[in-house]
Protein backbone atom coordinates (compact mmCIF):
# COMPACT_ATOMS: atom_id res chain seq x y z
CA UNK A 1 -65.74 7.54 -17.28
CA UNK A 2 -64.21 9.85 -19.84
CA UNK A 3 -65.73 11.71 -22.77
CA UNK A 4 -64.61 9.10 -25.32
CA UNK A 5 -66.01 6.22 -23.25
CA UNK A 6 -69.26 8.11 -22.71
CA UNK A 7 -69.60 8.68 -26.46
CA UNK A 8 -69.01 4.99 -27.22
CA UNK A 9 -71.52 3.92 -24.57
CA UNK A 10 -74.18 6.28 -25.93
CA UNK A 11 -73.53 5.15 -29.48
CA UNK A 12 -73.81 1.51 -28.44
CA UNK A 13 -76.99 2.17 -26.48
CA UNK A 14 -78.60 3.87 -29.49
CA UNK A 15 -77.62 1.12 -31.91
CA UNK A 16 -78.84 -1.58 -29.53
CA UNK A 17 -82.16 0.21 -28.99
CA UNK A 18 -82.64 0.58 -32.78
CA UNK A 19 -81.82 -3.09 -33.31
CA UNK A 20 -84.37 -4.20 -30.74
CA UNK A 21 -87.02 -1.95 -32.27
CA UNK A 22 -86.34 -3.50 -35.70
CA UNK A 23 -86.35 -7.06 -34.41
CA UNK A 24 -89.60 -6.49 -32.52
CA UNK A 25 -91.33 -5.49 -35.80
CA UNK A 26 -90.42 -8.67 -37.67
CA UNK A 27 -93.11 -11.13 -38.61
CA UNK A 28 -92.75 -14.88 -38.94
CA UNK A 29 -92.12 -14.64 -42.70
CA UNK A 30 -89.36 -12.04 -42.14
CA UNK A 31 -87.74 -14.22 -39.48
CA UNK A 32 -87.35 -17.06 -41.99
CA UNK A 33 -85.95 -15.05 -44.91
CA UNK A 34 -82.33 -15.78 -45.78
CA UNK A 35 -79.84 -12.91 -45.73
CA UNK A 36 -77.53 -12.46 -48.70
CA UNK A 37 -74.50 -11.50 -46.59
CA UNK A 38 -74.51 -14.26 -43.99
CA UNK A 39 -76.62 -16.79 -45.88
CA UNK A 40 -78.45 -17.51 -42.64
CA UNK A 41 -82.06 -16.80 -41.83
CA UNK A 42 -82.86 -13.42 -40.34
CA UNK A 43 -83.60 -15.24 -37.07
CA UNK A 44 -80.24 -16.99 -36.95
CA UNK A 45 -78.45 -13.77 -37.90
CA UNK A 46 -80.21 -11.90 -35.11
CA UNK A 47 -79.48 -14.71 -32.63
CA UNK A 48 -75.80 -14.70 -33.66
CA UNK A 49 -75.61 -10.95 -33.08
CA UNK A 50 -77.41 -11.23 -29.75
CA UNK A 51 -75.12 -13.98 -28.49
CA UNK A 52 -72.00 -12.11 -29.51
CA UNK A 53 -72.67 -9.02 -27.40
CA UNK A 54 -71.88 -10.58 -24.04
CA UNK A 55 -68.93 -12.51 -25.47
CA UNK A 56 -67.33 -9.38 -26.92
CA UNK A 57 -67.95 -7.51 -23.65
CA UNK A 58 -66.10 -10.30 -21.83
CA UNK A 59 -63.13 -10.00 -24.19
CA UNK A 60 -63.05 -6.21 -23.67
CA UNK A 61 -63.01 -6.82 -19.91
CA UNK A 62 -60.13 -9.26 -20.39
CA UNK A 63 -58.14 -6.74 -22.40
CA UNK A 64 -58.52 -3.91 -19.88
CA UNK A 65 -57.73 -6.19 -16.93
CA UNK A 66 -54.69 -7.68 -18.71
CA UNK A 67 -56.13 -11.18 -18.37
CA UNK A 68 -54.07 -13.99 -19.87
CA UNK A 69 -54.60 -14.71 -23.56
CA UNK A 70 -57.41 -17.08 -24.46
CA UNK A 71 -54.86 -19.31 -26.14
CA UNK A 72 -54.65 -20.06 -29.83
CA UNK A 73 -57.88 -18.61 -31.21
CA UNK A 74 -58.00 -17.64 -34.87
CA UNK A 75 -60.55 -15.99 -37.14
CA UNK A 76 -61.05 -19.35 -38.88
CA UNK A 77 -61.96 -20.89 -35.52
CA UNK A 78 -64.51 -18.10 -34.98
CA UNK A 79 -65.97 -18.79 -38.43
CA UNK A 80 -66.35 -22.47 -37.51
CA UNK A 81 -68.03 -21.55 -34.22
CA UNK A 82 -70.40 -19.23 -36.04
CA UNK A 83 -71.32 -21.91 -38.59
CA UNK A 84 -72.01 -24.36 -35.77
CA UNK A 85 -74.10 -21.74 -33.96
CA UNK A 86 -76.17 -21.22 -37.10
CA UNK A 87 -76.94 -24.95 -37.24
CA UNK A 88 -77.73 -25.26 -33.54
CA UNK A 89 -80.04 -22.22 -33.48
CA UNK A 90 -81.84 -22.68 -36.78
CA UNK A 91 -85.15 -22.84 -34.91
CA UNK A 92 -84.57 -19.91 -32.55
CA UNK A 93 -87.61 -17.81 -31.72
CA UNK A 94 -87.98 -14.06 -31.77
CA UNK A 95 -88.79 -14.02 -28.06
CA UNK A 96 -85.68 -15.95 -27.02
CA UNK A 97 -83.51 -13.92 -29.39
CA UNK A 98 -84.83 -10.60 -28.09
CA UNK A 99 -84.28 -11.72 -24.51
CA UNK A 100 -80.71 -12.78 -25.36
CA UNK A 101 -80.10 -9.48 -27.18
CA UNK A 102 -81.39 -7.39 -24.31
CA UNK A 103 -79.33 -9.34 -21.76
CA UNK A 104 -76.18 -9.11 -23.89
CA UNK A 105 -76.72 -5.44 -24.66
CA UNK A 106 -77.17 -4.61 -20.97
CA UNK A 107 -73.93 -6.43 -20.13
CA UNK A 108 -72.02 -4.79 -22.97
CA UNK A 109 -73.36 -1.34 -22.11
CA UNK A 110 -72.33 -1.77 -18.47
CA UNK A 111 -68.83 -2.87 -19.50
CA UNK A 112 -68.32 0.06 -21.87
CA UNK A 113 -69.81 2.54 -19.44
CA UNK A 114 -67.59 1.19 -16.67
CA UNK A 115 -64.38 1.96 -18.54
CA UNK A 116 -62.31 5.10 -18.41
CA UNK A 117 -60.65 6.64 -21.45
CA UNK A 118 -57.20 5.35 -20.44
CA UNK A 119 -58.51 1.78 -20.47
CA UNK A 120 -59.66 2.17 -24.07
CA UNK A 121 -56.01 2.31 -25.13
CA UNK A 122 -55.07 -1.00 -23.47
CA UNK A 123 -54.46 -3.76 -25.96
CA UNK A 124 -54.50 -7.52 -26.03
CA UNK A 125 -54.69 -10.50 -28.33
CA UNK A 126 -58.19 -11.24 -29.58
CA UNK A 127 -57.18 -13.52 -32.46
CA UNK A 128 -53.75 -15.08 -32.74
CA UNK A 129 -53.69 -14.48 -36.50
CA UNK A 130 -54.30 -10.73 -36.16
CA UNK A 131 -52.31 -7.95 -34.48
CA UNK A 132 -53.34 -7.13 -30.91
CA UNK A 133 -56.37 -4.83 -30.59
CA UNK A 134 -57.12 -2.03 -28.19
CA UNK A 135 -60.27 -2.16 -26.09
CA UNK A 136 -61.55 0.77 -28.15
CA UNK A 137 -60.91 -1.05 -31.44
CA UNK A 138 -62.77 -4.11 -30.17
CA UNK A 139 -65.71 -1.99 -29.01
CA UNK A 140 -65.87 -0.24 -32.39
CA UNK A 141 -65.50 -3.43 -34.45
CA UNK A 142 -66.97 -6.13 -32.21
CA UNK A 143 -69.93 -4.23 -30.76
CA UNK A 144 -70.78 -1.19 -32.87
CA UNK A 145 -69.62 -2.60 -36.21
CA UNK A 146 -71.14 -6.01 -35.51
CA UNK A 147 -74.55 -4.42 -34.92
CA UNK A 148 -74.19 -2.24 -38.04
CA UNK A 149 -73.17 -5.18 -40.23
CA UNK A 150 -75.78 -7.70 -39.16
CA UNK A 151 -78.67 -5.28 -38.68
CA UNK A 152 -77.85 -3.76 -42.07
CA UNK A 153 -78.05 -7.23 -43.58
CA UNK A 154 -81.33 -7.95 -41.79
CA UNK A 155 -82.87 -4.62 -42.84
CA UNK A 156 -81.80 -5.16 -46.47
CA UNK A 157 -83.27 -8.68 -46.43
CA UNK A 158 -86.64 -7.58 -45.09
CA UNK A 159 -86.77 -4.38 -47.13
CA UNK A 160 -86.49 -1.84 -44.31
């Protein structure tokens, strides 16, 4: 592992730890509040974030291993999947969401920590309607940025 990869892994670990600490403090009323950004409940937003960690880690692994493209997958298709996820997990519990987050975070951390700096520069297609991304770009946007965006929305919604 190189210095850049180590820094990304540490940053991810810190953001994930902070997210879990915040989610553990939420009460039932907080869990049901609707976020302004996503227009989902805090619980659904947290569950969406938790479920995405392992998925993004898998895409990073695919990029660095030069796996074949996932086919025609667009940002609009992701939006549809996210909307469906929000419907299917409207009743998700804090306990199941925290377990999913911790599992996904452990997987993502292991993937990032397992990379070397040269692998961060490898690129691949994530969405067919966007230019190829490097593994580093996907880590920054899909892991770090995703936590920042959704946890920021959750914190704003609950007044933290």
